[in-house]
Amino acid sequence: MDPAFADLVIGRRPQRLEYAWIGTADRGAPVIVFLHEGLGSLAMWKDFPDNLCAAAGARGLVFSRYGHGHSTPRPAAEKWPVDFMHAQAEEVLPALFARLQLDDPPWLLGHSDGASIALLYAAAHAERVAGLVAVAPHVFVEDVSVASIEKARVAYAGTDLKRRLARYHDDPDSAFHGWNDVWLDPAFRDWNIESCLPRIHCPVLAVQGEDDEYGTMAQIDAIARLVPQARLLKLPACGHSPHRDQPLALTEAVVALLNEHRQVPVRSAMTARS
């Protein structure tokens, strides 16, 4: 992916976000917006967006949030507020979509924090979303999440994690501490977006790995309880990143959902390979 840059002003603060368009050049194809995890970036998706868009006959928009990838880094003294995901959904995404002239309602595919942002955007802008895929989402804070994030802090201080993240972020401290500090803030333990979920009216696929170290099935079960049209995909032999652990199963499920809501279905990834 060859990134470009979008200049935004959010709360009077300039932000420069890297982004890339991928997939078919057909302007009539559905658009999938990829929303990365707390330590993610445009580059950290690797080839999953390209492969999914090829299988789905879709265009893809991939970008790095503020503080991540090649986007504007977070100053060391800046602490993200507890509602930082709400700000992404209610301020940043609308500004980015307007800047890129994304007029038709897109599909949203979010992973982890990105999945929570996708859910919040769909709840706040029901008429502007064609559908969403929430991969390993967080809708409330679990002990297992906090414990794993505490382990990540130890690893960042004592292993080569910082060096490995530097391959994907201009400023790995910006990405890591922005995410890690807010999740370990005691005030964040009360963060919960369940009350927003009944406002989601688009098609929803919620995905969770059975071996996810950052969350349990209670997360997507809550979505199913509060969003009647949601369907669940629970993946065995899969951790927190289904797009890496079980990419074909995830691709098949996403393509099937898109095909239900388009006039001309495309062949599934598995059919295309057989």
Protein backbone atom coordinates (compact mmCIF):
# COMPACT_ATOMS: atom_id res chain seq x y z
CA MET A 1 0.00 0.00 0.00
CA ASP A 2 1.31 3.44 -0.95
CA PRO A 3 0.01 5.87 1.68
CA ALA A 4 -1.10 9.43 1.15
CA PHE A 5 -1.88 11.97 3.89
CA ALA A 6 -5.06 13.76 4.97
CA ASP A 7 -4.79 16.97 6.96
CA LEU A 8 -7.56 17.42 9.53
CA VAL A 9 -8.25 19.82 12.37
CA ILE A 10 -9.81 18.08 15.38
CA GLY A 11 -10.67 20.28 18.35
CA ARG A 12 -8.46 23.05 16.91
CA ARG A 13 -5.54 20.64 16.77
CA PRO A 14 -4.06 19.79 13.35
CA GLN A 15 -3.65 16.10 12.62
CA ARG A 16 -2.01 14.51 9.59
CA LEU A 17 -3.32 10.99 9.02
CA GLU A 18 -1.77 8.48 6.63
CA TYR A 19 -4.22 6.54 4.50
CA ALA A 20 -4.35 4.31 1.44
CA TRP A 21 -7.02 3.18 -1.00
CA ILE A 22 -6.81 -0.45 -2.09
CA GLY A 23 -8.80 -2.96 -4.09
CA THR A 24 -10.93 -2.56 -7.18
CA ALA A 25 -11.05 0.73 -9.06
CA ASP A 26 -14.81 0.25 -9.57
CA ARG A 27 -16.41 3.28 -7.93
CA GLY A 28 -19.64 1.32 -7.56
CA ALA A 29 -18.03 -1.34 -5.39
CA PRO A 30 -18.69 -1.36 -1.65
CA VAL A 31 -16.08 0.41 0.47
CA ILE A 32 -14.63 -1.31 3.55
CA VAL A 33 -12.95 1.00 6.07
CA PHE A 34 -10.35 -0.81 8.18
CA LEU A 35 -9.99 0.42 11.79
CA HIS A 36 -6.90 -0.91 13.53
CA GLU A 37 -6.24 -2.09 17.07
CA GLY A 38 -4.67 -0.13 19.93
CA LEU A 39 -1.12 -0.89 18.82
CA GLY A 40 -1.97 -1.07 15.12
CA SER A 41 -1.36 1.06 12.06
CA LEU A 42 -1.95 0.99 8.33
CA ALA A 43 1.14 -1.20 7.79
CA MET A 44 0.33 -3.62 10.61
CA TRP A 45 -2.69 -4.92 8.72
CA LYS A 46 -0.14 -6.37 6.26
CA ASP A 47 -1.90 -8.09 3.34
CA PHE A 48 -5.26 -8.82 4.98
CA PRO A 49 -7.10 -5.75 3.58
CA ASP A 50 -5.81 -6.45 0.05
CA ASN A 51 -6.82 -10.10 0.23
CA LEU A 52 -10.24 -9.38 1.71
CA CYS A 53 -11.03 -6.65 -0.81
CA ALA A 54 -9.98 -8.94 -3.66
CA ALA A 55 -12.24 -11.71 -2.36
CA ALA A 56 -15.14 -9.34 -1.74
CA GLY A 57 -14.84 -7.27 -4.93
CA ALA A 58 -14.58 -4.21 -2.70
CA ARG A 59 -12.56 -1.05 -2.35
CA GLY A 60 -10.72 -0.58 0.93
CA LEU A 61 -9.72 2.47 2.94
CA VAL A 62 -6.94 1.81 5.45
CA PHE A 63 -5.50 4.51 7.70
CA SER A 64 -3.46 5.09 10.84
CA ARG A 65 -5.08 6.94 13.70
CA TYR A 66 -3.46 9.94 15.35
CA GLY A 67 -0.41 8.77 17.30
CA HIS A 68 0.09 5.68 15.12
CA GLY A 69 2.03 4.66 12.04
CA HIS A 70 3.17 7.64 9.98
CA SER A 71 0.34 9.84 11.26
CA THR A 72 0.98 12.77 13.59
CA PRO A 73 2.59 11.38 16.77
CA ARG A 74 1.17 11.99 20.23
CA PRO A 75 3.29 14.36 22.38
CA ALA A 76 4.80 12.52 25.33
CA ALA A 77 2.96 14.71 27.84
CA GLU A 78 -0.45 14.11 26.25
CA LYS A 79 -2.67 11.54 27.95
CA TRP A 80 -5.61 10.12 26.09
CA PRO A 81 -8.94 10.67 27.85
CA VAL A 82 -11.13 7.76 28.88
CA ASP A 83 -13.54 8.63 26.06
CA PHE A 84 -10.86 8.63 23.35
CA MET A 85 -12.72 6.01 21.30
CA HIS A 86 -15.87 8.13 21.37
CA ALA A 87 -13.84 11.06 20.01
CA GLN A 88 -12.51 8.89 17.19
CA ALA A 89 -16.04 7.81 16.25
CA GLU A 90 -17.79 11.15 16.67
CA GLU A 91 -15.11 13.60 15.51
CA VAL A 92 -12.24 12.01 13.60
CA LEU A 93 -14.08 9.54 11.35
CA PRO A 94 -16.66 12.08 10.13
CA ALA A 95 -13.87 14.59 9.42
CA LEU A 96 -11.76 12.01 7.58
CA PHE A 97 -14.69 10.76 5.50
CA ALA A 98 -15.58 14.34 4.55
CA ARG A 99 -11.96 15.12 3.68
CA LEU A 100 -11.74 12.05 1.42
CA GLN A 101 -15.21 12.68 -0.04
CA LEU A 102 -16.51 9.31 1.04
CA ASP A 103 -20.13 10.03 0.25
CA ASP A 104 -21.72 6.57 0.18
CA PRO A 105 -22.15 4.71 3.48
CA PRO A 106 -19.15 2.38 3.92
CA TRP A 107 -18.74 -0.94 5.63
CA LEU A 108 -16.60 -0.74 8.75
CA LEU A 109 -14.21 -3.51 9.77
CA GLY A 110 -12.60 -2.82 13.11
CA HIS A 111 -10.22 -4.84 15.24
CA SER A 112 -10.10 -4.54 19.06
CA ASP A 113 -10.20 -0.81 19.90
CA GLY A 114 -10.96 -0.23 16.22
CA ALA A 115 -13.99 -2.52 16.53
CA SER A 116 -15.23 -0.48 19.49
CA ILE A 117 -14.80 2.70 17.43
CA ALA A 118 -16.76 1.10 14.58
CA LEU A 119 -19.61 0.21 16.96
CA LEU A 120 -19.66 3.74 18.37
CA TYR A 121 -19.70 5.29 14.90
CA ALA A 122 -22.55 3.03 13.78
CA ALA A 123 -24.51 3.95 16.91
CA ALA A 124 -24.01 7.69 16.37
CA HIS A 125 -24.43 7.69 12.56
CA ALA A 126 -26.86 4.88 11.84
CA GLU A 127 -27.76 6.19 8.38
CA ARG A 128 -24.10 6.50 7.32
CA VAL A 129 -23.04 2.86 7.74
CA ALA A 130 -23.78 0.03 5.30
CA GLY A 131 -22.68 -2.62 7.80
CA LEU A 132 -19.90 -3.47 10.20
CA VAL A 133 -17.62 -6.29 11.25
CA ALA A 134 -16.43 -6.10 14.86
CA VAL A 135 -13.35 -8.30 15.31
CA ALA A 136 -12.37 -8.93 18.95
CA PRO A 137 -14.34 -5.88 20.11
CA HIS A 138 -14.43 -4.34 23.57
CA VAL A 139 -17.82 -3.18 24.85
CA PHE A 140 -16.81 -3.16 28.51
CA VAL A 141 -13.60 -3.73 30.48
CA GLU A 142 -12.75 -7.24 31.67
CA ASP A 143 -10.13 -8.32 34.17
CA VAL A 144 -8.46 -10.48 31.52
CA SER A 145 -8.03 -7.41 29.29
CA VAL A 146 -6.38 -5.38 32.01
CA ALA A 147 -4.11 -8.27 33.00
CA SER A 148 -2.90 -8.74 29.42
CA ILE A 149 -2.35 -5.01 28.98
CA GLU A 150 -0.30 -4.96 32.18
CA LYS A 151 1.82 -7.79 30.74
CA ALA A 152 2.28 -5.74 27.57
CA ARG A 153 3.67 -2.85 29.66
CA VAL A 154 6.22 -5.20 31.24
CA ALA A 155 7.15 -6.55 27.80
CA TYR A 156 7.57 -3.07 26.36
CA ALA A 157 10.01 -2.16 29.14
CA GLY A 158 11.96 -5.40 29.20
CA THR A 159 11.91 -7.03 25.75
CA ASP A 160 12.38 -6.04 22.11
CA LEU A 161 8.71 -5.09 21.73
CA LYS A 162 9.58 -1.42 21.23
CA ARG A 163 12.03 -2.30 18.45
CA ARG A 164 9.43 -4.50 16.74
CA LEU A 165 6.78 -1.79 16.94
CA ALA A 166 9.23 0.71 15.45
CA ARG A 167 8.84 -1.12 12.13
CA TYR A 168 5.24 0.09 12.00
CA HIS A 169 5.27 3.41 13.88
CA ASP A 170 7.41 6.51 13.45
CA ASP A 171 7.15 6.96 17.23
CA PRO A 172 6.48 3.63 18.98
CA ASP A 173 6.30 5.36 22.38
CA SER A 174 3.43 7.48 21.04
CA ALA A 175 1.41 4.45 19.98
CA PHE A 176 2.23 2.23 22.94
CA HIS A 177 1.82 4.63 25.83
CA GLY A 178 -1.22 6.34 24.34
CA TRP A 179 -3.01 2.98 24.34
CA ASN A 180 -1.43 1.36 27.39
CA ASP A 181 -1.71 4.32 29.76
CA VAL A 182 -5.41 4.93 29.18
CA TRP A 183 -6.36 1.26 29.45
CA LEU A 184 -4.49 1.00 32.77
CA ASP A 185 -5.97 4.23 34.13
CA PRO A 186 -8.22 3.23 37.08
CA ALA A 187 -10.92 5.52 35.66
CA PHE A 188 -11.06 3.37 32.53
CA ARG A 189 -12.35 0.36 34.46
CA ASP A 190 -15.85 1.87 34.28
CA TRP A 191 -15.70 2.39 30.49
CA ASN A 192 -18.72 0.69 28.91
CA ILE A 193 -20.52 1.23 25.59
CA GLU A 194 -23.35 -1.29 25.99
CA SER A 195 -25.93 1.50 26.24
CA CYS A 196 -24.98 2.65 22.72
CA LEU A 197 -25.42 -0.71 21.02
CA PRO A 198 -29.24 -0.73 20.61
CA ARG A 199 -28.88 2.31 18.31
CA ILE A 200 -27.06 0.18 15.71
CA HIS A 201 -29.40 -0.83 12.88
CA CYS A 202 -27.03 -2.00 10.13
CA PRO A 203 -25.92 -5.61 9.50
CA VAL A 204 -23.34 -6.68 12.10
CA LEU A 205 -20.87 -9.55 12.29
CA ALA A 206 -19.12 -9.89 15.66
CA VAL A 207 -16.04 -12.12 15.75
CA GLN A 208 -14.08 -13.52 18.69
CA GLY A 209 -11.29 -16.09 18.98
CA GLU A 210 -11.76 -18.78 21.60
CA ASP A 211 -8.18 -18.20 22.80
CA ASP A 212 -8.33 -14.40 22.86
CA GLU A 213 -6.01 -13.18 25.60
CA TYR A 214 -7.59 -9.72 25.66
CA GLY A 215 -11.26 -10.58 26.02
CA THR A 216 -13.86 -13.33 26.44
CA MET A 217 -16.97 -14.36 24.53
CA ALA A 218 -18.93 -12.12 26.90
CA GLN A 219 -17.99 -9.22 24.63
CA ILE A 220 -19.70 -10.49 21.49
CA ASP A 221 -22.47 -12.16 23.48
CA ALA A 222 -23.34 -8.68 24.77
CA ILE A 223 -23.50 -7.43 21.19
CA ALA A 224 -25.83 -10.28 20.22
CA ARG A 225 -28.06 -9.49 23.19
CA LEU A 226 -28.33 -5.78 22.40
CA VAL A 227 -28.17 -5.79 18.58
CA PRO A 228 -30.80 -8.31 17.42
CA GLN A 229 -29.60 -8.48 13.81
CA ALA A 230 -26.00 -9.26 14.81
CA ARG A 231 -24.55 -12.64 13.98
CA LEU A 232 -21.61 -14.16 15.83
CA LEU A 233 -18.52 -15.99 14.63
CA LYS A 234 -16.63 -17.80 17.38
CA LEU A 235 -13.33 -19.14 16.07
CA PRO A 236 -11.39 -22.06 17.58
CA ALA A 237 -7.58 -22.05 17.60
CA CYS A 238 -7.70 -18.27 17.41
CA GLY A 239 -6.34 -15.52 19.64
CA HIS A 240 -6.92 -11.78 19.65
CA SER A 241 -6.19 -11.32 15.93
CA PRO A 242 -8.50 -13.46 13.76
CA HIS A 243 -7.25 -11.71 10.61
CA ARG A 244 -3.84 -13.25 11.35
CA ASP A 245 -4.84 -16.52 13.08
CA GLN A 246 -7.89 -17.45 10.96
CA PRO A 247 -7.84 -15.15 7.90
CA LEU A 248 -9.71 -17.50 5.55
CA ALA A 249 -12.56 -18.14 8.00
CA LEU A 250 -12.89 -14.42 8.67
CA THR A 251 -12.77 -13.59 4.96
CA GLU A 252 -15.44 -16.17 4.16
CA ALA A 253 -17.77 -14.75 6.81
CA VAL A 254 -17.25 -11.15 5.70
CA VAL A 255 -17.78 -11.97 2.01
CA ALA A 256 -20.96 -13.89 2.86
CA LEU A 257 -22.34 -10.93 4.80
CA LEU A 258 -21.52 -8.47 2.02
CA ASN A 259 -23.10 -10.76 -0.56
CA GLU A 260 -26.37 -10.75 1.36
CA HIS A 261 -26.54 -7.00 1.00
CA ARG A 262 -25.43 -6.38 -2.58
CA GLN A 263 -27.16 -6.84 -5.90
CA VAL A 264 -24.43 -8.85 -7.60
CA PRO A 265 -22.74 -11.36 -5.23
CA VAL A 266 -19.10 -12.28 -5.74
CA ARG A 267 -17.62 -15.73 -5.38
CA SER A 268 -16.34 -16.52 -1.92
CA ALA A 269 -12.62 -16.68 -1.19
CA MET A 270 -12.82 -20.46 -0.75
CA THR A 271 -14.71 -20.94 -4.03
CA ALA A 272 -12.24 -18.72 -5.83
CA ARG A 273 -9.37 -20.90 -4.62
CA SER A 274 -10.98 -24.25 -5.44
